[in-house]
């Protein structure tokens, strides 16, 4: 819980003579409901997301443009992660931390020892 919310929960609990756990459950239940509604939406299909109205807080609107922007940003992030993992050199191109030994110089015909 946030630091500002905890004292409020305690004061509500004392005022109405209700256990702390009950007050926390009442506060968290509406956000859990909103989370469940958001999970029902299908990725990449903004029309499947529903708006959620909080009685005293207002309306949580699922704008199609915002949903698509989030979806595209996640796809871009995943592509960047995938391309970064492909750029890691394979173990055959780096030997002994980049230090060449006499064996490496003998086996590699493109390098000459002078």
PDB file of N, CA and C in Angstrom:
ATOM      1  N   UNK A   1       0.829  -1.184   0.000  1.00  0.00           N
ATOM      2  CA  UNK A   1       0.000   0.000   0.000  1.00  0.00           C
ATOM      3  C   UNK A   1       0.879   1.256   0.000  1.00  0.00           C
ATOM      4  N   UNK A   2       0.333   2.307  -0.521  1.00  0.00           N
ATOM      5  CA  UNK A   2       1.050   3.568  -0.530  1.00  0.00           C
ATOM      6  C   UNK A   2       1.014   4.191   0.860  1.00  0.00           C
ATOM      7  N   UNK A   3       2.020   4.999   1.136  1.00  0.00           N
ATOM      8  CA  UNK A   3       2.125   5.624   2.459  1.00  0.00           C
ATOM      9  C   UNK A   3       0.945   6.529   2.777  1.00  0.00           C
ATOM     10  N   UNK A   4       0.403   7.204   1.785  1.00  0.00           N
ATOM     11  CA  UNK A   4      -0.719   8.109   2.019  1.00  0.00           C
ATOM     12  C   UNK A   4      -2.033   7.356   2.232  1.00  0.00           C
ATOM     13  N   UNK A   5      -2.141   6.161   1.679  1.00  0.00           N
ATOM     14  CA  UNK A   5      -3.384   5.401   1.753  1.00  0.00           C
ATOM     15  C   UNK A   5      -3.523   4.691   3.094  1.00  0.00           C
ATOM     16  N   UNK A   6      -2.435   4.226   3.648  1.00  0.00           N
ATOM     17  CA  UNK A   6      -2.477   3.459   4.899  1.00  0.00           C
ATOM     18  C   UNK A   6      -3.119   4.233   6.050  1.00  0.00           C
ATOM     19  N   UNK A   7      -2.759   5.501   6.302  1.00  0.00           N
ATOM     20  CA  UNK A   7      -3.451   6.229   7.381  1.00  0.00           C
ATOM     21  C   UNK A   7      -4.949   6.411   7.118  1.00  0.00           C
ATOM     22  N   UNK A   8      -5.320   6.582   5.859  1.00  0.00           N
ATOM     23  CA  UNK A   8      -6.732   6.713   5.525  1.00  0.00           C
ATOM     24  C   UNK A   8      -7.496   5.425   5.829  1.00  0.00           C
ATOM     25  N   UNK A   9      -6.870   4.311   5.503  1.00  0.00           N
ATOM     26  CA  UNK A   9      -7.504   3.023   5.791  1.00  0.00           C
ATOM     27  C   UNK A   9      -7.688   2.845   7.293  1.00  0.00           C
ATOM     28  N   UNK A  10      -6.678   3.221   8.066  1.00  0.00           N
ATOM     29  CA  UNK A  10      -6.774   3.108   9.523  1.00  0.00           C
ATOM     30  C   UNK A  10      -7.881   4.004  10.082  1.00  0.00           C
ATOM     31  N   UNK A  11      -7.969   5.231   9.567  1.00  0.00           N
ATOM     32  CA  UNK A  11      -9.006   6.144  10.073  1.00  0.00           C
ATOM     33  C   UNK A  11     -10.405   5.652   9.709  1.00  0.00           C
ATOM     34  N   UNK A  12     -10.588   5.124   8.505  1.00  0.00           N
ATOM     35  CA  UNK A  12     -11.886   4.570   8.110  1.00  0.00           C
ATOM     36  C   UNK A  12     -12.239   3.369   8.975  1.00  0.00           C
ATOM     37  N   UNK A  13     -11.226   2.538   9.228  1.00  0.00           N
ATOM     38  CA  UNK A  13     -11.439   1.358  10.062  1.00  0.00           C
ATOM     39  C   UNK A  13     -11.896   1.746  11.464  1.00  0.00           C
ATOM     40  N   UNK A  14     -11.257   2.749  12.052  1.00  0.00           N
ATOM     41  CA  UNK A  14     -11.633   3.197  13.400  1.00  0.00           C
ATOM     42  C   UNK A  14     -12.992   3.895  13.403  1.00  0.00           C
ATOM     43  N   UNK A  15     -13.240   4.702  12.395  1.00  0.00           N
ATOM     44  CA  UNK A  15     -14.488   5.466  12.338  1.00  0.00           C
ATOM     45  C   UNK A  15     -15.714   4.549  12.254  1.00  0.00           C
ATOM     46  N   UNK A  16     -15.624   3.518  11.420  1.00  0.00           N
ATOM     47  CA  UNK A  16     -16.770   2.633  11.205  1.00  0.00           C
ATOM     48  C   UNK A  16     -16.670   1.324  11.993  1.00  0.00           C
ATOM     49  N   UNK A  17     -15.621   1.185  12.806  1.00  0.00           N
ATOM     50  CA  UNK A  17     -15.409  -0.004  13.629  1.00  0.00           C
ATOM     51  C   UNK A  17     -15.401  -1.283  12.774  1.00  0.00           C
ATOM     52  N   UNK A  18     -14.586  -1.247  11.720  1.00  0.00           N
ATOM     53  CA  UNK A  18     -14.457  -2.359  10.789  1.00  0.00           C
ATOM     54  C   UNK A  18     -12.989  -2.781  10.769  1.00  0.00           C
ATOM     55  N   UNK A  19     -12.693  -4.089  10.679  1.00  0.00           N
ATOM     56  CA  UNK A  19     -11.291  -4.528  10.625  1.00  0.00           C
ATOM     57  C   UNK A  19     -10.538  -3.944   9.415  1.00  0.00           C
ATOM     58  N   UNK A  20      -9.228  -3.776   9.583  1.00  0.00           N
ATOM     59  CA  UNK A  20      -8.391  -3.220   8.506  1.00  0.00           C
ATOM     60  C   UNK A  20      -8.482  -4.045   7.224  1.00  0.00           C
ATOM     61  N   UNK A  21      -8.492  -5.369   7.367  1.00  0.00           N
ATOM     62  CA  UNK A  21      -8.529  -6.237   6.188  1.00  0.00           C
ATOM     63  C   UNK A  21      -9.793  -6.019   5.366  1.00  0.00           C
ATOM     64  N   UNK A  22     -10.903  -5.758   6.027  1.00  0.00           N
ATOM     65  CA  UNK A  22     -12.164  -5.525   5.312  1.00  0.00           C
ATOM     66  C   UNK A  22     -12.089  -4.218   4.522  1.00  0.00           C
ATOM     67  N   UNK A  23     -11.547  -3.178   5.134  1.00  0.00           N
ATOM     68  CA  UNK A  23     -11.418  -1.897   4.446  1.00  0.00           C
ATOM     69  C   UNK A  23     -10.475  -2.030   3.247  1.00  0.00           C
ATOM     70  N   UNK A  24      -9.354  -2.731   3.425  1.00  0.00           N
ATOM     71  CA  UNK A  24      -8.424  -2.954   2.308  1.00  0.00           C
ATOM     72  C   UNK A  24      -9.096  -3.718   1.180  1.00  0.00           C
ATOM     73  N   UNK A  25      -9.883  -4.738   1.522  1.00  0.00           N
ATOM     74  CA  UNK A  25     -10.575  -5.535   0.509  1.00  0.00           C
ATOM     75  C   UNK A  25     -11.576  -4.686  -0.270  1.00  0.00           C
ATOM     76  N   UNK A  26     -12.277  -3.802   0.425  1.00  0.00           N
ATOM     77  CA  UNK A  26     -13.242  -2.930  -0.246  1.00  0.00           C
ATOM     78  C   UNK A  26     -12.532  -2.000  -1.231  1.00  0.00           C
ATOM     79  N   UNK A  27     -11.413  -1.441  -0.819  1.00  0.00           N
ATOM     80  CA  UNK A  27     -10.671  -0.510  -1.681  1.00  0.00           C
ATOM     81  C   UNK A  27     -10.058  -1.238  -2.869  1.00  0.00           C
ATOM     82  N   UNK A  28      -9.442  -2.392  -2.608  1.00  0.00           N
ATOM     83  CA  UNK A  28      -8.752  -3.118  -3.675  1.00  0.00           C
ATOM     84  C   UNK A  28      -9.706  -3.817  -4.635  1.00  0.00           C
ATOM     85  N   UNK A  29     -10.914  -4.149  -4.194  1.00  0.00           N
ATOM     86  CA  UNK A  29     -11.817  -4.925  -5.046  1.00  0.00           C
ATOM     87  C   UNK A  29     -12.182  -4.183  -6.324  1.00  0.00           C
ATOM     88  N   UNK A  30     -12.376  -2.880  -6.257  1.00  0.00           N
ATOM     89  CA  UNK A  30     -12.744  -2.159  -7.470  1.00  0.00           C
ATOM     90  C   UNK A  30     -11.595  -2.122  -8.476  1.00  0.00           C
ATOM     91  N   UNK A  31     -10.365  -2.073  -7.996  1.00  0.00           N
ATOM     92  CA  UNK A  31      -9.223  -2.069  -8.912  1.00  0.00           C
ATOM     93  C   UNK A  31      -8.974  -3.461  -9.478  1.00  0.00           C
ATOM     94  N   UNK A  32      -9.255  -4.494  -8.684  1.00  0.00           N
ATOM     95  CA  UNK A  32      -9.146  -5.858  -9.195  1.00  0.00           C
ATOM     96  C   UNK A  32     -10.188  -6.092 -10.286  1.00  0.00           C
ATOM     97  N   UNK A  33     -11.366  -5.547 -10.104  1.00  0.00           N
ATOM     98  CA  UNK A  33     -12.418  -5.657 -11.117  1.00  0.00           C
ATOM     99  C   UNK A  33     -11.979  -4.961 -12.413  1.00  0.00           C
ATOM    100  N   UNK A  34     -11.390  -3.790 -12.298  1.00  0.00           N
ATOM    101  CA  UNK A  34     -10.910  -3.064 -13.478  1.00  0.00           C
ATOM    102  C   UNK A  34      -9.798  -3.848 -14.175  1.00  0.00           C
ATOM    103  N   UNK A  35      -8.914  -4.476 -13.402  1.00  0.00           N
ATOM    104  CA  UNK A  35      -7.836  -5.284 -13.976  1.00  0.00           C
ATOM    105  C   UNK A  35      -8.404  -6.475 -14.748  1.00  0.00           C
ATOM    106  N   UNK A  36      -9.426  -7.133 -14.169  1.00  0.00           N
ATOM    107  CA  UNK A  36     -10.046  -8.276 -14.838  1.00  0.00           C
ATOM    108  C   UNK A  36     -10.708  -7.854 -16.144  1.00  0.00           C
ATOM    109  N   UNK A  37     -11.372  -6.706 -16.150  1.00  0.00           N
ATOM    110  CA  UNK A  37     -12.002  -6.209 -17.374  1.00  0.00           C
ATOM    111  C   UNK A  37     -10.945  -5.892 -18.436  1.00  0.00           C
ATOM    112  N   UNK A  38      -9.814  -5.335 -18.017  1.00  0.00           N
ATOM    113  CA  UNK A  38      -8.750  -5.008 -18.976  1.00  0.00           C
ATOM    114  C   UNK A  38      -8.145  -6.280 -19.564  1.00  0.00           C
ATOM    115  N   UNK A  39      -8.047  -7.341 -18.770  1.00  0.00           N
ATOM    116  CA  UNK A  39      -7.485  -8.605 -19.259  1.00  0.00           C
ATOM    117  C   UNK A  39      -8.385  -9.291 -20.269  1.00  0.00           C
ATOM    118  N   UNK A  40      -9.671  -8.971 -20.258  1.00  0.00           N
ATOM    119  CA  UNK A  40     -10.610  -9.590 -21.199  1.00  0.00           C
ATOM    120  C   UNK A  40     -10.381  -9.110 -22.624  1.00  0.00           C
ATOM    121  N   UNK A  41      -9.767  -7.958 -22.791  1.00  0.00           N
ATOM    122  CA  UNK A  41      -9.499  -7.425 -24.123  1.00  0.00           C
ATOM    123  C   UNK A  41      -8.457  -8.262 -24.841  1.00  0.00           C
ATOM    124  N   UNK A  42      -8.603  -8.361 -26.158  1.00  0.00           N
ATOM    125  CA  UNK A  42      -7.666  -9.139 -26.970  1.00  0.00           C
ATOM    126  C   UNK A  42      -6.576  -8.236 -27.515  1.00  0.00           C
ATOM    127  N   UNK A  43      -5.359  -8.745 -27.484  1.00  0.00           N
ATOM    128  CA  UNK A  43      -4.194  -7.983 -27.944  1.00  0.00           C
ATOM    129  C   UNK A  43      -4.344  -7.617 -29.422  1.00  0.00           C
ATOM    130  N   UNK A  44      -4.179  -6.348 -29.728  1.00  0.00           N
ATOM    131  CA  UNK A  44      -4.246  -5.880 -31.104  1.00  0.00           C
ATOM    132  C   UNK A  44      -5.651  -5.600 -31.593  1.00  0.00           C
ATOM    133  N   UNK A  45      -6.679  -5.796 -30.737  1.00  0.00           N
ATOM    134  CA  UNK A  45      -8.068  -5.531 -31.114  1.00  0.00           C
ATOM    135  C   UNK A  45      -8.667  -4.544 -30.116  1.00  0.00           C
ATOM    136  N   UNK A  46      -8.517  -3.245 -30.354  1.00  0.00           N
ATOM    137  CA  UNK A  46      -8.967  -2.242 -29.390  1.00  0.00           C
ATOM    138  C   UNK A  46     -10.467  -2.273 -29.120  1.00  0.00           C
ATOM    139  N   UNK A  47     -11.261  -2.762 -30.077  1.00  0.00           N
ATOM    140  CA  UNK A  47     -12.710  -2.778 -29.869  1.00  0.00           C
ATOM    141  C   UNK A  47     -13.144  -3.787 -28.802  1.00  0.00           C
ATOM    142  N   UNK A  48     -12.258  -4.703 -28.395  1.00  0.00           N
ATOM    143  CA  UNK A  48     -12.605  -5.696 -27.381  1.00  0.00           C
ATOM    144  C   UNK A  48     -12.409  -5.177 -25.960  1.00  0.00           C
ATOM    145  N   UNK A  49     -11.784  -4.012 -25.796  1.00  0.00           N
ATOM    146  CA  UNK A  49     -11.566  -3.431 -24.467  1.00  0.00           C
ATOM    147  C   UNK A  49     -12.782  -2.599 -24.070  1.00  0.00           C
ATOM    148  N   UNK A  50     -13.169  -2.707 -22.796  1.00  0.00           N
ATOM    149  CA  UNK A  50     -14.334  -1.990 -22.298  1.00  0.00           C
ATOM    150  C   UNK A  50     -13.907  -0.874 -21.349  1.00  0.00           C
ATOM    151  N   UNK A  51     -14.731   0.166 -21.272  1.00  0.00           N
ATOM    152  CA  UNK A  51     -14.506   1.254 -20.319  1.00  0.00           C
ATOM    153  C   UNK A  51     -14.989   0.805 -18.942  1.00  0.00           C
ATOM    154  N   UNK A  52     -14.339   1.297 -17.887  1.00  0.00           N
ATOM    155  CA  UNK A  52     -14.702   0.951 -16.511  1.00  0.00           C
ATOM    156  C   UNK A  52     -15.000   2.245 -15.765  1.00  0.00           C
ATOM    157  N   UNK A  53     -16.158   2.274 -15.094  1.00  0.00           N
ATOM    158  CA  UNK A  53     -16.549   3.457 -14.328  1.00  0.00           C
ATOM    159  C   UNK A  53     -16.367   3.181 -12.838  1.00  0.00           C
ATOM    160  N   UNK A  54     -15.571   4.039 -12.191  1.00  0.00           N
ATOM    161  CA  UNK A  54     -15.413   4.005 -10.740  1.00  0.00           C
ATOM    162  C   UNK A  54     -16.411   4.998 -10.160  1.00  0.00           C
ATOM    163  N   UNK A  55     -17.160   4.572  -9.156  1.00  0.00           N
ATOM    164  CA  UNK A  55     -18.249   5.392  -8.642  1.00  0.00           C
ATOM    165  C   UNK A  55     -17.789   6.783  -8.209  1.00  0.00           C
ATOM    166  N   UNK A  56     -16.714   6.886  -7.456  1.00  0.00           N
ATOM    167  CA  UNK A  56     -16.276   8.187  -6.946  1.00  0.00           C
ATOM    168  C   UNK A  56     -15.005   8.712  -7.612  1.00  0.00           C
ATOM    169  N   UNK A  57     -14.408   7.925  -8.484  1.00  0.00           N
ATOM    170  CA  UNK A  57     -13.163   8.347  -9.134  1.00  0.00           C
ATOM    171  C   UNK A  57     -13.362   8.821 -10.566  1.00  0.00           C
ATOM    172  N   UNK A  58     -14.302   8.227 -11.270  1.00  0.00           N
ATOM    173  CA  UNK A  58     -14.533   8.631 -12.641  1.00  0.00           C
ATOM    174  C   UNK A  58     -14.477   7.457 -13.587  1.00  0.00           C
ATOM    175  N   UNK A  59     -14.253   7.729 -14.853  1.00  0.00           N
ATOM    176  CA  UNK A  59     -14.299   6.739 -15.911  1.00  0.00           C
ATOM    177  C   UNK A  59     -12.889   6.415 -16.403  1.00  0.00           C
ATOM    178  N   UNK A  60     -12.599   5.132 -16.517  1.00  0.00           N
ATOM    179  CA  UNK A  60     -11.346   4.667 -17.096  1.00  0.00           C
ATOM    180  C   UNK A  60     -11.658   4.295 -18.538  1.00  0.00           C
ATOM    181  N   UNK A  61     -11.199   5.126 -19.481  1.00  0.00           N
ATOM    182  CA  UNK A  61     -11.552   4.979 -20.888  1.00  0.00           C
ATOM    183  C   UNK A  61     -10.456   4.227 -21.620  1.00  0.00           C
ATOM    184  N   UNK A  62     -10.875   3.250 -22.414  1.00  0.00           N
ATOM    185  CA  UNK A  62      -9.947   2.487 -23.244  1.00  0.00           C
ATOM    186  C   UNK A  62     -10.010   3.060 -24.665  1.00  0.00           C
ATOM    187  N   UNK A  63      -9.133   4.006 -24.975  1.00  0.00           N
ATOM    188  CA  UNK A  63      -9.115   4.618 -26.307  1.00  0.00           C
ATOM    189  C   UNK A  63      -8.424   3.676 -27.283  1.00  0.00           C
ATOM    190  N   UNK A  64      -9.031   3.417 -28.429  1.00  0.00           N
ATOM    191  CA  UNK A  64      -8.410   2.523 -29.411  1.00  0.00           C
ATOM    192  C   UNK A  64      -7.024   2.991 -29.841  1.00  0.00           C
ATOM    193  N   UNK A  65      -6.821   4.289 -30.008  1.00  0.00           N
ATOM    194  CA  UNK A  65      -5.510   4.789 -30.441  1.00  0.00           C
ATOM    195  C   UNK A  65      -4.447   4.527 -29.372  1.00  0.00           C
ATOM    196  N   UNK A  66      -4.803   4.682 -28.110  1.00  0.00           N
ATOM    197  CA  UNK A  66      -3.851   4.457 -27.025  1.00  0.00           C
ATOM    198  C   UNK A  66      -3.517   2.965 -26.902  1.00  0.00           C
ATOM    199  N   UNK A  67      -4.532   2.117 -27.053  1.00  0.00           N
ATOM    200  CA  UNK A  67      -4.307   0.669 -26.984  1.00  0.00           C
ATOM    201  C   UNK A  67      -3.377   0.227 -28.104  1.00  0.00           C
ATOM    202  N   UNK A  68      -3.601   0.732 -29.322  1.00  0.00           N
ATOM    203  CA  UNK A  68      -2.733   0.367 -30.445  1.00  0.00           C
ATOM    204  C   UNK A  68      -1.320   0.913 -30.253  1.00  0.00           C
ATOM    205  N   UNK A  69      -1.188   2.103 -29.668  1.00  0.00           N
ATOM    206  CA  UNK A  69       0.143   2.661 -29.412  1.00  0.00           C
ATOM    207  C   UNK A  69       0.902   1.786 -28.412  1.00  0.00           C
ATOM    208  N   UNK A  70       0.227   1.332 -27.376  1.00  0.00           N
ATOM    209  CA  UNK A  70       0.870   0.449 -26.391  1.00  0.00           C
ATOM    210  C   UNK A  70       1.252  -0.868 -27.047  1.00  0.00           C
ATOM    211  N   UNK A  71       0.350  -1.419 -27.847  1.00  0.00           N
ATOM    212  CA  UNK A  71       0.620  -2.688 -28.536  1.00  0.00           C
ATOM    213  C   UNK A  71       1.828  -2.559 -29.467  1.00  0.00           C
ATOM    214  N   UNK A  72       1.876  -1.475 -30.235  1.00  0.00           N
ATOM    215  CA  UNK A  72       2.999  -1.255 -31.164  1.00  0.00           C
ATOM    216  C   UNK A  72       4.309  -1.037 -30.417  1.00  0.00           C
ATOM    217  N   UNK A  73       4.263  -0.325 -29.295  1.00  0.00           N
ATOM    218  CA  UNK A  73       5.480  -0.090 -28.513  1.00  0.00           C
ATOM    219  C   UNK A  73       6.023  -1.404 -27.963  1.00  0.00           C
ATOM    220  N   UNK A  74       5.147  -2.289 -27.534  1.00  0.00           N
ATOM    221  CA  UNK A  74       5.599  -3.592 -27.027  1.00  0.00           C
ATOM    222  C   UNK A  74       6.198  -4.430 -28.145  1.00  0.00           C
ATOM    223  N   UNK A  75       5.578  -4.386 -29.337  1.00  0.00           N
ATOM    224  CA  UNK A  75       6.134  -5.140 -30.470  1.00  0.00           C
ATOM    225  C   UNK A  75       7.509  -4.612 -30.846  1.00  0.00           C
ATOM    226  N   UNK A  76       7.668  -3.295 -30.873  1.00  0.00           N
ATOM    227  CA  UNK A  76       8.959  -2.689 -31.198  1.00  0.00           C
ATOM    228  C   UNK A  76      10.009  -3.079 -30.166  1.00  0.00           C
ATOM    229  N   UNK A  77       9.627  -3.022 -28.878  1.00  0.00           N
ATOM    230  CA  UNK A  77      10.546  -3.409 -27.804  1.00  0.00           C
ATOM    231  C   UNK A  77      10.992  -4.859 -27.973  1.00  0.00           C
ATOM    232  N   UNK A  78      10.052  -5.745 -28.303  1.00  0.00           N
ATOM    233  CA  UNK A  78      10.392  -7.158 -28.468  1.00  0.00           C
ATOM    234  C   UNK A  78      11.304  -7.375 -29.667  1.00  0.00           C
ATOM    235  N   UNK A  79      11.070  -6.625 -30.752  1.00  0.00           N
ATOM    236  CA  UNK A  79      11.955  -6.740 -31.920  1.00  0.00           C
ATOM    237  C   UNK A  79      13.378  -6.298 -31.585  1.00  0.00           C
ATOM    238  N   UNK A  80      13.492  -5.214 -30.828  1.00  0.00           N
ATOM    239  CA  UNK A  80      14.816  -4.720 -30.442  1.00  0.00           C
ATOM    240  C   UNK A  80      15.518  -5.740 -29.567  1.00  0.00           C
ATOM    241  N   UNK A  81      14.794  -6.326 -28.627  1.00  0.00           N
ATOM    242  CA  UNK A  81      15.389  -7.355 -27.773  1.00  0.00           C
ATOM    243  C   UNK A  81      15.849  -8.554 -28.589  1.00  0.00           C
ATOM    244  N   UNK A  82      15.021  -8.968 -29.547  1.00  0.00           N
ATOM    245  CA  UNK A  82      15.389 -10.103 -30.386  1.00  0.00           C
ATOM    246  C   UNK A  82      16.618  -9.796 -31.234  1.00  0.00           C
ATOM    247  N   UNK A  83      16.688  -8.583 -31.788  1.00  0.00           N
ATOM    248  CA  UNK A  83      17.837  -8.241 -32.632  1.00  0.00           C
ATOM    249  C   UNK A  83      19.111  -8.120 -31.795  1.00  0.00           C
ATOM    250  N   UNK A  84      18.991  -7.674 -30.545  1.00  0.00           N
ATOM    251  CA  UNK A  84      20.172  -7.573 -29.685  1.00  0.00           C
ATOM    252  C   UNK A  84      20.697  -8.947 -29.309  1.00  0.00           C
ATOM    253  N   UNK A  85      19.838  -9.922 -29.136  1.00  0.00           N
ATOM    254  CA  UNK A  85      20.313 -11.267 -28.788  1.00  0.00           C
ATOM    255  C   UNK A  85      20.954 -11.937 -29.990  1.00  0.00           C
ATOM    256  N   UNK A  86      20.541 -11.576 -31.206  1.00  0.00           N
ATOM    257  CA  UNK A  86      21.136 -12.161 -32.406  1.00  0.00           C
ATOM    258  C   UNK A  86      22.511 -11.583 -32.690  1.00  0.00           C
ATOM    259  N   UNK A  87      22.813 -10.395 -32.168  1.00  0.00           N
ATOM    260  CA  UNK A  87      24.078  -9.743 -32.444  1.00  0.00           C
ATOM    261  C   UNK A  87      25.212 -10.268 -31.568  1.00  0.00           C
ATOM    262  N   UNK A  88      24.904 -11.087 -30.574  1.00  0.00           N
ATOM    263  CA  UNK A  88      25.939 -11.635 -29.713  1.00  0.00           C
ATOM    264  C   UNK A  88      26.753 -12.618 -30.531  1.00  0.00           C
ATOM    265  N   UNK A  89      28.080 -12.473 -30.582  1.00  0.00           N
ATOM    266  CA  UNK A  89      28.898 -13.371 -31.401  1.00  0.00           C
ATOM    267  C   UNK A  89      28.886 -14.787 -30.850  1.00  0.00           C
ATOM    268  N   UNK A  90      29.016 -15.730 -31.781  1.00  0.00           N
ATOM    269  CA  UNK A  90      29.045 -17.127 -31.339  1.00  0.00           C
ATOM    270  C   UNK A  90      30.372 -17.442 -30.675  1.00  0.00           C
ATOM    271  N   UNK A  91      30.424 -18.545 -29.967  1.00  0.00           N
ATOM    272  CA  UNK A  91      31.619 -18.869 -29.187  1.00  0.00           C
ATOM    273  C   UNK A  91      32.812 -19.204 -30.068  1.00  0.00           C
ATOM    274  N   UNK A  92      32.595 -19.567 -31.331  1.00  0.00           N
ATOM    275  CA  UNK A  92      33.701 -19.921 -32.210  1.00  0.00           C
ATOM    276  C   UNK A  92      34.504 -18.724 -32.676  1.00  0.00           C
ATOM    277  N   UNK A  93      33.916 -17.536 -32.678  1.00  0.00           N
ATOM    278  CA  UNK A  93      34.628 -16.367 -33.186  1.00  0.00           C
ATOM    279  C   UNK A  93      35.508 -15.703 -32.131  1.00  0.00           C
ATOM    280  N   UNK A  94      35.259 -15.982 -30.879  1.00  0.00           N
ATOM    281  CA  UNK A  94      36.078 -15.410 -29.810  1.00  0.00           C
ATOM    282  C   UNK A  94      36.718 -16.563 -29.053  1.00  0.00           C
ATOM    283  N   UNK A  95      38.027 -16.536 -28.967  1.00  0.00           N
ATOM    284  CA  UNK A  95      38.741 -17.599 -28.268  1.00  0.00           C
ATOM    285  C   UNK A  95      39.503 -17.014 -27.112  1.00  0.00           C
ATOM    286  N   UNK A  96      39.330 -17.605 -25.970  1.00  0.00           N
ATOM    287  CA  UNK A  96      40.061 -17.244 -24.761  1.00  0.00           C
ATOM    288  C   UNK A  96      39.994 -15.740 -24.487  1.00  0.00           C
ATOM    289  N   UNK A  97      38.790 -15.173 -24.557  1.00  0.00           N
ATOM    290  CA  UNK A  97      38.603 -13.761 -24.230  1.00  0.00           C
ATOM    291  C   UNK A  97      39.277 -12.811 -25.196  1.00  0.00           C
ATOM    292  N   UNK A  98      39.482 -13.216 -26.433  1.00  0.00           N
ATOM    293  CA  UNK A  98      40.063 -12.336 -27.428  1.00  0.00           C
ATOM    294  C   UNK A  98      41.585 -12.378 -27.460  1.00  0.00           C
ATOM    295  N   UNK A  99      42.203 -13.176 -26.622  1.00  0.00           N
ATOM    296  CA  UNK A  99      43.656 -13.303 -26.602  1.00  0.00           C
ATOM    297  C   UNK A  99      44.040 -14.469 -27.504  1.00  0.00           C
ATOM    298  N   UNK A 100      44.887 -14.193 -28.490  1.00  0.00           N
ATOM    299  CA  UNK A 100      45.317 -15.240 -29.412  1.00  0.00           C
ATOM    300  C   UNK A 100      46.578 -15.905 -28.866  1.00  0.00           C
ATOM    301  N   UNK A 101      46.594 -17.187 -28.998  1.00  0.00           N
ATOM    302  CA  UNK A 101      47.778 -17.947 -28.569  1.00  0.00           C
ATOM    303  C   UNK A 101      48.538 -18.400 -29.805  1.00  0.00           C
ATOM    304  N   UNK A 102      49.650 -19.062 -29.609  1.00  0.00           N
ATOM    305  CA  UNK A 102      50.452 -19.560 -30.722  1.00  0.00           C
ATOM    306  C   UNK A 102      49.652 -20.572 -31.531  1.00  0.00           C
ATOM    307  N   UNK A 103      48.812 -21.369 -30.876  1.00  0.00           N
ATOM    308  CA  UNK A 103      47.976 -22.336 -31.593  1.00  0.00           C
ATOM    309  C   UNK A 103      47.036 -21.626 -32.554  1.00  0.00           C
ATOM    310  N   UNK A 104      46.446 -20.508 -32.092  1.00  0.00           N
ATOM    311  CA  UNK A 104      45.514 -19.761 -32.927  1.00  0.00           C
ATOM    312  C   UNK A 104      46.225 -19.197 -34.142  1.00  0.00           C
ATOM    313  N   UNK A 105      47.424 -18.687 -33.967  1.00  0.00           N
ATOM    314  CA  UNK A 105      48.147 -18.093 -35.089  1.00  0.00           C
ATOM    315  C   UNK A 105      48.558 -19.156 -36.091  1.00  0.00           C
ATOM    316  N   UNK A 106      48.914 -20.338 -35.616  1.00  0.00           N
ATOM    317  CA  UNK A 106      49.283 -21.412 -36.529  1.00  0.00           C
ATOM    318  C   UNK A 106      48.082 -21.917 -37.316  1.00  0.00           C
ATOM    319  N   UNK A 107      46.928 -21.975 -36.665  1.00  0.00           N
ATOM    320  CA  UNK A 107      45.746 -22.527 -37.326  1.00  0.00           C
ATOM    321  C   UNK A 107      45.063 -21.512 -38.240  1.00  0.00           C
ATOM    322  N   UNK A 108      45.343 -20.249 -38.068  1.00  0.00           N
ATOM    323  CA  UNK A 108      44.691 -19.231 -38.882  1.00  0.00           C
ATOM    324  C   UNK A 108      45.654 -18.756 -39.949  1.00  0.00           C
ATOM    325  N   UNK A 109      45.331 -19.068 -41.216  1.00  0.00           N
ATOM    326  CA  UNK A 109      46.259 -18.757 -42.299  1.00  0.00           C
ATOM    327  C   UNK A 109      46.211 -17.277 -42.699  1.00  0.00           C
ATOM    328  N   UNK A 110      45.181 -16.526 -42.300  1.00  0.00           N
ATOM    329  CA  UNK A 110      45.100 -15.133 -42.715  1.00  0.00           C
ATOM    330  C   UNK A 110      45.996 -14.230 -41.874  1.00  0.00           C
ATOM    331  N   UNK A 111      46.416 -14.651 -40.706  1.00  0.00           N
ATOM    332  CA  UNK A 111      47.310 -13.846 -39.887  1.00  0.00           C
ATOM    333  C   UNK A 111      48.746 -14.303 -40.102  1.00  0.00           C
ATOM    334  N   UNK A 112      49.636 -13.330 -40.178  1.00  0.00           N
ATOM    335  CA  UNK A 112      51.040 -13.680 -40.345  1.00  0.00           C
ATOM    336  C   UNK A 112      51.816 -13.242 -39.126  1.00  0.00           C
ATOM    337  N   UNK A 113      52.758 -14.081 -38.698  1.00  0.00           N
ATOM    338  CA  UNK A 113      53.627 -13.727 -37.568  1.00  0.00           C
ATOM    339  C   UNK A 113      54.906 -13.139 -38.140  1.00  0.00           C
ATOM    340  N   UNK A 114      55.318 -12.010 -37.621  1.00  0.00           N
ATOM    341  CA  UNK A 114      56.569 -11.432 -38.126  1.00  0.00           C
ATOM    342  C   UNK A 114      57.568 -11.295 -37.002  1.00  0.00           C
TER     343      UNK A 114
END
